[in-house]
Each structure stands twice: as C-alpha cells, then as structure tokens.
Amino acid sequence: MTHMLDEIREQPQVVRRIVDEEFHRAEALAAEIKRRQIAYAYVAARGTSDNAAIYGKYLLEIQQGLPVALAAPSVFTLYDAVPHFGPNALVLGISQSGAAPDVIAVVRRAREAGALTACITNEPDSELARAAEYPLFIGAGEEVGVAATKTYTGSLALLALLSTALDESHPERLEHLRWAADAMERTLSLDDALHHLVEKYRGMRDCIVLGRGYNHATAAEVGLKVTETCYVSAQAFSAADFQHGPIAQVASGFPCLLFAPDGKAFAPMAQLAERLRAQHPALICFAHDPAFLARSETAVRIPAPVAEWVSPLVYVVAGQLFAYWLSVARGNDPDAPRGLAKVTQTV
C-alpha cells in the first residue's frame, strides 16, 4: 500500500466534507462577486492546480457566463508587470500548499490594484490564505504523496461549490455534487481491473491523453499524473486542438487515452474516436456509454452516470488509478517521483 493509493481512495469523503462544510465560505465569496458586479475572473496556479484552473474556466464561463483568463505568473514575478485590474475583477489563486511564491505574488499585487481576491488551498495558515480576502479551504488533511490527488479533486469541488453558490438553483446542483462523490466511490471499484489492464501498456514510452469541454482538465491532469509517476511522455490536448496538427503523430499501436463522459462533449469525442480508428492506435477509452466502449481496444466503463459539469471529479479517479498502477507495473515508486518534491516553488 502507498500514500498515493490511500489518498486516491480518500477522495469521495474529501468531496463530501467540502459540500457539507464549506458552502458558507463559497456563499460569502459569491455574495461579494454579485455585490461588486464582477465582470471577469483571472486564475493563477501552477502544475496540478493549473489543471484545476482549466476546469474552473469552463465551469464559470458555461454556468455563469463569467469570462475567465488563466494567468501567466511570470508576468508578475519575472517581468515585474501588473495587468490593469480594477474593482470588477476577481483574482483567484490555487495552490494546495499555499506556498507557491508566484501564485502568492499574483494575488497580493492584484489586491493592491483593487481586485477582489480569493484562493483555494489545503493549508489554512498558509501565506496564500493570508494574502487573499476570501480563502476557500480544501480540508483534505495532509497529502503525503508527491503526486497530488485528493487536493486536485478538492480544488475541483470548491470551484464547483463556488459556481453553485452563484446559481439561484443551487439546491439541485448541491445534489449533483453529492451524487458525484458517490460516483467517485463507485469508480474506485475499478481498482482491480485497472491493476490488470495496465500490464498491456507497461512498456509504452509515450501516449496522448484527450478530453473536451469540462474534461479538457481531466486530460491535462491524467497526462501529468502519467508523466510524473510513470516517466512516460504523456501529451494532453483538448480533443479539438488535437485535430489541428498533433493527430499526425498517431500511428498503429500508439496509445491514446480518451475521456468521453455523457454530455455535450460526448458526440465530438465519439467522432474523434472513429477518425482515430483509421490510424489503428491503441485506444484506451474511459466512458459510461456501452456502445461507444464496445468499439474500443481497451474499455474502462465508469460505473455511474453523472451530470457533465461534475464529471471531471469522477473520471479523473479512473485516470489516477491508471497512472498509479502503470507506475507500479513499471517498477517505479509513485509516492516519490524522481526529481520532484511535494512543494515546488517557482518565481
């Protein structure tokens, strides 16, 4: 047993706690967003947290119509420049440790410029939590594994909770989140199947990871997990961007992971899978739809259907398990990827 696997298994309870205990903080931030008539959001993050920010972009733009820009923290730290924020801007920093100097710098300087500031972190006493006016807490307990798992889904849950607090129909959406936690629990039942499935791919040197819409974030995060724990070059793309050039690298037997939950992104993902089949790759498909999976070389059926907007919470669990067991099959220690530390500090 490893810390990473333990922490993957803790995720449903982390999400349940967030839904039950953190809504008041999300409501307070939502009330201030409405009071100040926030016109756009700007999200600063690195690594896994940056992948959570991708989800936040899709979520707030689709559900609230709020434009979201993903920050380049180097603008602040290397070039000593600050965009023209005003009182109608929300600047959100995401860092599980709350110790990322560049994310802290963005939040501090945005606050000085008059923007509304908030953060998502697992550390209530962190510098980032002190820098932001409205901190939101993951509350996942210590995450020992270097490869973030439960703090990633905790960040997604807090973003979903904020979106829910901004929505007048939030009781129904809170139920979607609770059901997502249950679906995460059911997805953990894939553990044994994925343990055996990865043997087929233990020798792969590179792969493509694809998702679209909300699950562009899932592709990015699973690609990162495969890269850092398995030492495989896993390139993640939006399924749309992938067709603007990168698809050319796919040859016979090339591993391609596709995340295709039910929803508006399902049809274009299914169409892409059909297009890819002409190039004879090794398709590894994560989906709930049995007809779609029947045409996949390797099918990973997500046991429970969920609303598309919360599906990244569920589908990433299967991706994490895939990365974990592939790492073990390759003889790696998923708790201690080479060259990495739990807290990475860049400026």
Protein backbone atom coordinates (compact mmCIF):
# COMPACT_ATOMS: atom_id res chain seq x y z
CA MET A 1 0.00 0.00 0.00
CA THR A 2 1.24 3.51 -0.81
CA HIS A 3 0.27 7.01 0.22
CA MET A 4 -0.87 7.80 -3.32
CA LEU A 5 -3.33 4.90 -3.42
CA ASP A 6 -4.60 5.72 0.07
CA GLU A 7 -5.17 9.33 -0.96
CA ILE A 8 -6.94 8.34 -4.18
CA ARG A 9 -9.33 6.31 -2.02
CA GLU A 10 -9.94 9.21 0.37
CA GLN A 11 -11.30 11.49 -2.36
CA PRO A 12 -15.05 10.78 -2.10
CA GLN A 13 -15.00 11.70 1.59
CA VAL A 14 -12.97 14.85 0.89
CA VAL A 15 -15.61 15.99 -1.60
CA ARG A 16 -18.47 15.15 0.78
CA ARG A 17 -16.86 17.22 3.52
CA ILE A 18 -16.42 20.18 1.20
CA VAL A 19 -20.07 20.06 0.11
CA ASP A 20 -21.31 19.74 3.70
CA GLU A 21 -18.95 22.18 5.44
CA GLU A 22 -17.59 24.76 3.00
CA PHE A 23 -20.71 26.11 1.32
CA HIS A 24 -20.90 29.10 3.69
CA ARG A 25 -17.48 30.31 2.53
CA ALA A 26 -18.43 29.85 -1.11
CA GLU A 27 -21.68 31.75 -0.45
CA ALA A 28 -19.80 34.65 1.13
CA LEU A 29 -17.50 34.93 -1.89
CA ALA A 30 -20.45 34.59 -4.27
CA ALA A 31 -22.28 37.40 -2.47
CA GLU A 32 -19.25 39.68 -2.83
CA ILE A 33 -18.91 38.77 -6.52
CA LYS A 34 -22.52 39.82 -7.04
CA ARG A 35 -22.22 42.96 -4.89
CA ARG A 36 -19.15 44.17 -6.76
CA GLN A 37 -20.62 43.19 -10.13
CA ILE A 38 -17.50 41.22 -11.05
CA ALA A 39 -17.07 41.21 -14.83
CA TYR A 40 -14.25 38.68 -15.24
CA ALA A 41 -12.01 36.28 -13.33
CA TYR A 42 -8.26 35.74 -13.52
CA VAL A 43 -6.89 32.47 -12.12
CA ALA A 44 -3.27 31.92 -11.07
CA ALA A 45 -1.94 28.40 -10.45
CA ARG A 46 0.89 26.00 -11.27
CA GLY A 47 1.05 22.28 -12.01
CA THR A 48 -1.92 20.24 -10.86
CA SER A 49 -3.63 23.40 -9.61
CA ASP A 50 -3.33 24.84 -13.11
CA ASN A 51 -5.30 21.85 -14.38
CA ALA A 52 -7.99 22.59 -11.81
CA ALA A 53 -8.00 26.16 -13.16
CA ILE A 54 -8.84 24.80 -16.62
CA TYR A 55 -11.95 23.21 -15.11
CA GLY A 56 -12.77 26.50 -13.39
CA LYS A 57 -12.56 28.33 -16.71
CA TYR A 58 -15.04 26.01 -18.42
CA LEU A 59 -17.29 25.93 -15.37
CA LEU A 60 -17.63 29.67 -14.73
CA GLU A 61 -17.86 30.56 -18.42
CA ILE A 62 -20.53 27.92 -19.17
CA GLN A 63 -22.55 28.12 -15.96
CA GLN A 64 -22.21 31.81 -15.07
CA GLY A 65 -21.19 33.45 -18.35
CA LEU A 66 -18.20 34.92 -16.49
CA PRO A 67 -15.10 35.32 -18.70
CA VAL A 68 -12.08 33.59 -17.15
CA ALA A 69 -8.42 34.15 -18.03
CA LEU A 70 -5.64 31.81 -16.90
CA ALA A 71 -2.73 33.81 -15.52
CA ALA A 72 0.92 33.71 -16.56
CA PRO A 73 2.50 34.35 -13.13
CA SER A 74 5.87 35.14 -14.75
CA VAL A 75 4.32 38.42 -15.89
CA PHE A 76 4.38 39.45 -12.23
CA THR A 77 7.49 37.71 -10.92
CA LEU A 78 9.98 37.87 -13.79
CA TYR A 79 8.81 40.97 -15.63
CA ASP A 80 7.51 42.97 -12.66
CA ALA A 81 4.38 43.89 -14.59
CA VAL A 82 0.77 44.00 -13.39
CA PRO A 83 -2.25 43.88 -15.72
CA HIS A 84 -4.79 46.66 -15.30
CA PHE A 85 -7.08 45.12 -12.71
CA GLY A 86 -9.97 47.06 -11.31
CA PRO A 87 -12.71 46.56 -8.72
CA ASN A 88 -14.72 44.46 -11.20
CA ALA A 89 -12.03 41.75 -11.41
CA LEU A 90 -11.89 38.54 -9.38
CA VAL A 91 -8.35 37.16 -8.99
CA LEU A 92 -8.25 33.59 -7.70
CA GLY A 93 -5.07 31.80 -6.64
CA ILE A 94 -5.00 28.00 -6.42
CA SER A 95 -2.19 26.20 -4.54
CA GLN A 96 -2.64 23.09 -2.40
CA SER A 97 0.29 24.10 -0.21
CA GLY A 98 -0.49 27.80 -0.22
CA ALA A 99 3.27 28.30 -0.58
CA ALA A 100 3.69 28.90 -4.32
CA PRO A 101 5.58 32.23 -4.41
CA ASP A 102 4.43 33.18 -7.91
CA VAL A 103 0.76 32.48 -7.17
CA ILE A 104 1.02 34.45 -3.93
CA ALA A 105 2.61 37.34 -5.83
CA VAL A 106 -0.28 37.46 -8.31
CA VAL A 107 -2.88 37.55 -5.52
CA ARG A 108 -1.03 40.17 -3.48
CA ARG A 109 -0.44 42.54 -6.36
CA ALA A 110 -3.96 42.11 -7.67
CA ARG A 111 -5.32 43.01 -4.24
CA GLU A 112 -3.11 46.10 -4.16
CA ALA A 113 -4.55 47.02 -7.57
CA GLY A 114 -8.10 46.88 -6.22
CA ALA A 115 -9.26 43.47 -7.46
CA LEU A 116 -11.38 41.12 -5.39
CA THR A 117 -9.08 38.29 -4.31
CA ALA A 118 -9.77 34.70 -3.30
CA CYS A 119 -7.81 31.47 -3.06
CA ILE A 120 -8.17 27.71 -2.86
CA THR A 121 -5.68 25.92 -0.62
CA ASN A 122 -5.32 22.93 1.67
CA GLU A 123 -3.37 24.97 4.22
CA PRO A 124 -5.47 27.47 6.24
CA ASP A 125 -2.37 29.02 7.86
CA SER A 126 -0.51 29.47 4.58
CA GLU A 127 0.82 32.68 3.11
CA LEU A 128 -1.66 32.41 0.24
CA ALA A 129 -4.60 32.12 2.63
CA ARG A 130 -3.44 35.31 4.35
CA ALA A 131 -2.91 37.14 1.06
CA ALA A 132 -6.47 36.60 -0.23
CA GLU A 133 -9.59 38.28 1.10
CA TYR A 134 -11.71 35.16 0.63
CA PRO A 135 -9.85 31.88 1.24
CA LEU A 136 -11.59 28.58 0.43
CA PHE A 137 -10.21 25.52 2.20
CA ILE A 138 -9.87 22.01 0.77
CA GLY A 139 -9.56 20.44 4.22
CA ALA A 140 -8.25 17.13 2.87
CA GLY A 141 -5.76 16.54 5.66
CA GLU A 142 -2.08 16.08 4.94
CA GLU A 143 -1.32 14.90 1.42
CA VAL A 144 1.88 12.85 1.67
CA GLY A 145 2.13 11.57 -1.89
CA VAL A 146 4.14 13.88 -4.12
CA ALA A 147 1.67 13.40 -6.98
CA ALA A 148 -1.39 15.40 -5.93
CA THR A 149 -4.68 13.51 -5.97
CA LYS A 150 -7.14 14.44 -3.23
CA THR A 151 -6.14 18.11 -3.26
CA TYR A 152 -6.86 18.18 -7.01
CA THR A 153 -10.40 16.85 -6.67
CA GLY A 154 -10.83 19.03 -3.59
CA SER A 155 -9.96 22.06 -5.72
CA LEU A 156 -12.47 20.96 -8.35
CA ALA A 157 -15.13 20.54 -5.67
CA LEU A 158 -14.53 24.05 -4.33
CA LEU A 159 -14.75 25.54 -7.82
CA ALA A 160 -17.99 23.61 -8.34
CA LEU A 161 -19.25 24.85 -4.96
CA LEU A 162 -18.49 28.47 -5.90
CA SER A 163 -20.34 28.07 -9.20
CA THR A 164 -23.23 26.51 -7.29
CA ALA A 165 -23.33 29.39 -4.80
CA LEU A 166 -23.56 31.84 -7.72
CA ASP A 167 -26.54 29.93 -9.12
CA GLU A 168 -30.09 30.54 -7.90
CA SER A 169 -30.92 26.84 -8.42
CA HIS A 170 -28.18 25.70 -6.07
CA PRO A 171 -30.13 23.05 -4.07
CA GLU A 172 -30.34 20.86 -7.19
CA ARG A 173 -26.70 21.47 -8.02
CA LEU A 174 -25.61 20.56 -4.50
CA GLU A 175 -27.29 17.20 -5.07
CA HIS A 176 -25.28 16.80 -8.29
CA LEU A 177 -22.12 17.28 -6.22
CA ARG A 178 -23.21 14.77 -3.59
CA TRP A 179 -24.01 12.26 -6.32
CA ALA A 180 -20.60 12.92 -7.86
CA ALA A 181 -18.97 11.92 -4.55
CA ASP A 182 -20.99 8.69 -4.60
CA ALA A 183 -19.97 8.10 -8.22
CA MET A 184 -16.32 8.62 -7.24
CA GLU A 185 -16.77 5.91 -4.62
CA ARG A 186 -18.18 3.54 -7.22
CA THR A 187 -15.35 4.36 -9.62
CA LEU A 188 -12.87 3.14 -7.01
CA SER A 189 -14.28 -0.33 -7.70
CA LEU A 190 -12.30 -0.24 -10.97
CA ASP A 191 -9.08 -0.57 -8.96
CA ASP A 192 -8.54 -4.29 -9.54
CA ALA A 193 -9.50 -4.15 -13.23
CA LEU A 194 -7.10 -1.27 -13.88
CA HIS A 195 -4.37 -3.06 -11.93
CA HIS A 196 -4.51 -5.85 -14.51
CA LEU A 197 -5.31 -3.71 -17.55
CA VAL A 198 -2.12 -1.62 -17.34
CA GLU A 199 0.10 -4.67 -17.88
CA LYS A 200 -0.67 -4.34 -21.57
CA TYR A 201 0.85 -0.84 -21.59
CA ARG A 202 3.74 -1.17 -19.16
CA GLY A 203 6.30 -0.79 -21.95
CA MET A 204 4.83 2.31 -23.57
CA ARG A 205 7.16 5.28 -23.91
CA ASP A 206 4.66 7.95 -24.87
CA CYS A 207 0.94 8.47 -25.25
CA ILE A 208 -1.76 11.03 -25.98
CA VAL A 209 -4.48 11.98 -23.47
CA LEU A 210 -7.64 13.61 -24.82
CA GLY A 211 -10.73 15.27 -23.39
CA ARG A 212 -13.04 18.06 -24.38
CA GLY A 213 -15.04 20.74 -22.58
CA TYR A 214 -15.04 20.24 -18.83
CA ASN A 215 -12.84 17.16 -19.26
CA HIS A 216 -10.07 19.03 -21.04
CA ALA A 217 -8.97 19.46 -17.41
CA THR A 218 -9.17 15.69 -16.86
CA ALA A 219 -6.95 15.03 -19.86
CA ALA A 220 -4.40 17.57 -18.62
CA GLU A 221 -4.36 16.16 -15.11
CA VAL A 222 -4.18 12.49 -16.11
CA GLY A 223 -1.42 13.36 -18.59
CA LEU A 224 0.52 14.99 -15.77
CA LYS A 225 -0.01 12.02 -13.44
CA VAL A 226 1.19 9.54 -16.10
CA THR A 227 4.22 11.71 -16.86
CA GLU A 228 5.33 12.28 -13.28
CA THR A 229 4.69 8.79 -11.85
CA CYS A 230 5.37 6.56 -14.88
CA TYR A 231 8.12 8.59 -16.63
CA VAL A 232 6.12 8.37 -19.85
CA SER A 233 5.82 11.34 -22.18
CA ALA A 234 2.06 11.87 -21.97
CA GLN A 235 0.86 14.77 -24.09
CA ALA A 236 -2.57 16.09 -23.16
CA PHE A 237 -4.77 18.01 -25.57
CA SER A 238 -8.22 19.38 -25.97
CA ALA A 239 -9.72 16.95 -28.46
CA ALA A 240 -10.42 19.91 -30.74
CA ASP A 241 -6.87 21.30 -30.65
CA PHE A 242 -5.52 17.80 -31.18
CA GLN A 243 -7.05 17.71 -34.65
CA HIS A 244 -5.16 20.87 -35.65
CA GLY A 245 -1.82 19.10 -36.11
CA PRO A 246 -0.92 16.73 -33.25
CA ILE A 247 -3.14 13.95 -34.63
CA ALA A 248 -0.44 13.38 -37.28
CA GLN A 249 1.80 11.62 -34.74
CA VAL A 250 -0.72 8.81 -34.16
CA ALA A 251 0.40 5.58 -35.82
CA SER A 252 -0.56 1.93 -35.47
CA GLY A 253 -0.42 0.85 -31.84
CA PHE A 254 0.13 4.38 -30.48
CA PRO A 255 -1.61 4.63 -27.07
CA CYS A 256 -4.41 7.22 -26.92
CA LEU A 257 -6.44 7.75 -23.73
CA LEU A 258 -9.88 9.27 -24.38
CA PHE A 259 -12.17 10.63 -21.65
CA ALA A 260 -15.72 10.70 -23.01
CA PRO A 261 -18.46 11.12 -20.39
CA ASP A 262 -22.08 11.61 -21.37
CA GLY A 263 -22.99 15.20 -22.23
CA LYS A 264 -22.45 17.76 -24.95
CA ALA A 265 -18.81 16.79 -25.48
CA PHE A 266 -19.63 13.11 -25.99
CA ALA A 267 -20.60 13.28 -29.69
CA PRO A 268 -17.40 15.05 -30.82
CA MET A 269 -15.32 12.64 -28.72
CA ALA A 270 -17.06 9.66 -30.35
CA GLN A 271 -16.47 11.19 -33.79
CA LEU A 272 -12.79 11.67 -32.99
CA ALA A 273 -12.53 8.04 -31.85
CA GLU A 274 -13.94 6.93 -35.21
CA ARG A 275 -11.45 9.12 -37.05
CA LEU A 276 -8.58 7.74 -34.99
CA ARG A 277 -9.55 4.13 -35.68
CA ALA A 278 -8.47 4.63 -39.30
CA GLN A 279 -4.91 5.12 -37.94
CA HIS A 280 -5.12 1.93 -35.81
CA PRO A 281 -3.95 3.34 -32.47
CA ALA A 282 -4.31 1.58 -29.12
CA LEU A 283 -7.47 3.34 -27.93
CA ILE A 284 -8.00 3.36 -24.16
CA CYS A 285 -11.47 4.81 -23.64
CA PHE A 286 -12.97 5.97 -20.35
CA ALA A 287 -16.75 6.35 -20.70
CA HIS A 288 -20.13 5.22 -19.40
CA ASP A 289 -21.76 4.59 -22.79
CA PRO A 290 -21.53 0.82 -23.54
CA ALA A 291 -21.96 1.15 -27.32
CA PHE A 292 -19.04 3.56 -27.52
CA LEU A 293 -16.88 1.33 -25.35
CA ALA A 294 -17.70 -1.75 -27.43
CA ARG A 295 -15.61 -0.28 -30.26
CA SER A 296 -12.59 0.47 -28.06
CA GLU A 297 -9.47 -1.69 -27.89
CA THR A 298 -9.36 -1.11 -24.14
CA ALA A 299 -12.61 -0.08 -22.43
CA VAL A 300 -12.84 1.42 -18.94
CA ARG A 301 -16.52 1.72 -18.07
CA ILE A 302 -17.26 4.35 -15.45
CA PRO A 303 -19.93 2.65 -13.32
CA ALA A 304 -22.22 5.62 -12.64
CA PRO A 305 -23.63 8.30 -14.97
CA VAL A 306 -23.18 11.86 -13.71
CA ALA A 307 -24.02 15.37 -14.86
CA GLU A 308 -21.35 16.53 -17.29
CA TRP A 309 -20.40 19.58 -15.24
CA VAL A 310 -19.27 17.39 -12.31
CA SER A 311 -17.92 14.51 -14.40
CA PRO A 312 -14.25 15.62 -14.04
CA LEU A 313 -14.47 14.72 -10.35
CA VAL A 314 -15.40 11.17 -11.29
CA TYR A 315 -13.40 10.49 -14.44
CA VAL A 316 -10.11 11.69 -13.01
CA VAL A 317 -10.32 8.97 -10.34
CA ALA A 318 -10.12 6.30 -13.05
CA GLY A 319 -7.23 8.19 -14.66
CA GLN A 320 -5.38 8.42 -11.35
CA LEU A 321 -5.77 4.67 -10.81
CA PHE A 322 -4.49 4.02 -14.34
CA ALA A 323 -1.41 6.17 -13.68
CA TYR A 324 -0.83 4.63 -10.26
CA TRP A 325 -0.93 1.01 -11.39
CA LEU A 326 1.09 1.73 -14.52
CA SER A 327 3.76 3.31 -12.32
CA VAL A 328 3.83 0.22 -10.10
CA ALA A 329 3.93 -2.11 -13.13
CA ARG A 330 6.96 -0.21 -14.42
CA GLY A 331 8.76 -0.68 -11.10
CA ASN A 332 8.50 2.95 -10.01
CA ASP A 333 7.65 4.39 -6.60
CA PRO A 334 4.55 6.53 -7.25
CA ASP A 335 4.95 8.21 -3.85
CA ALA A 336 8.36 9.63 -4.74
CA PRO A 337 8.74 10.55 -8.42
CA ARG A 338 12.35 11.32 -9.26
CA GLY A 339 13.39 14.95 -9.21
CA LEU A 340 10.18 16.13 -7.52
CA ALA A 341 9.30 17.49 -4.09
CA LYS A 342 5.85 17.87 -2.55
CA VAL A 343 6.04 21.66 -2.63
CA THR A 344 7.52 23.15 -5.78
CA GLN A 345 8.45 26.81 -5.50
CA THR A 346 8.98 28.82 -8.67
CA VAL A 347 9.23 32.55 -9.16
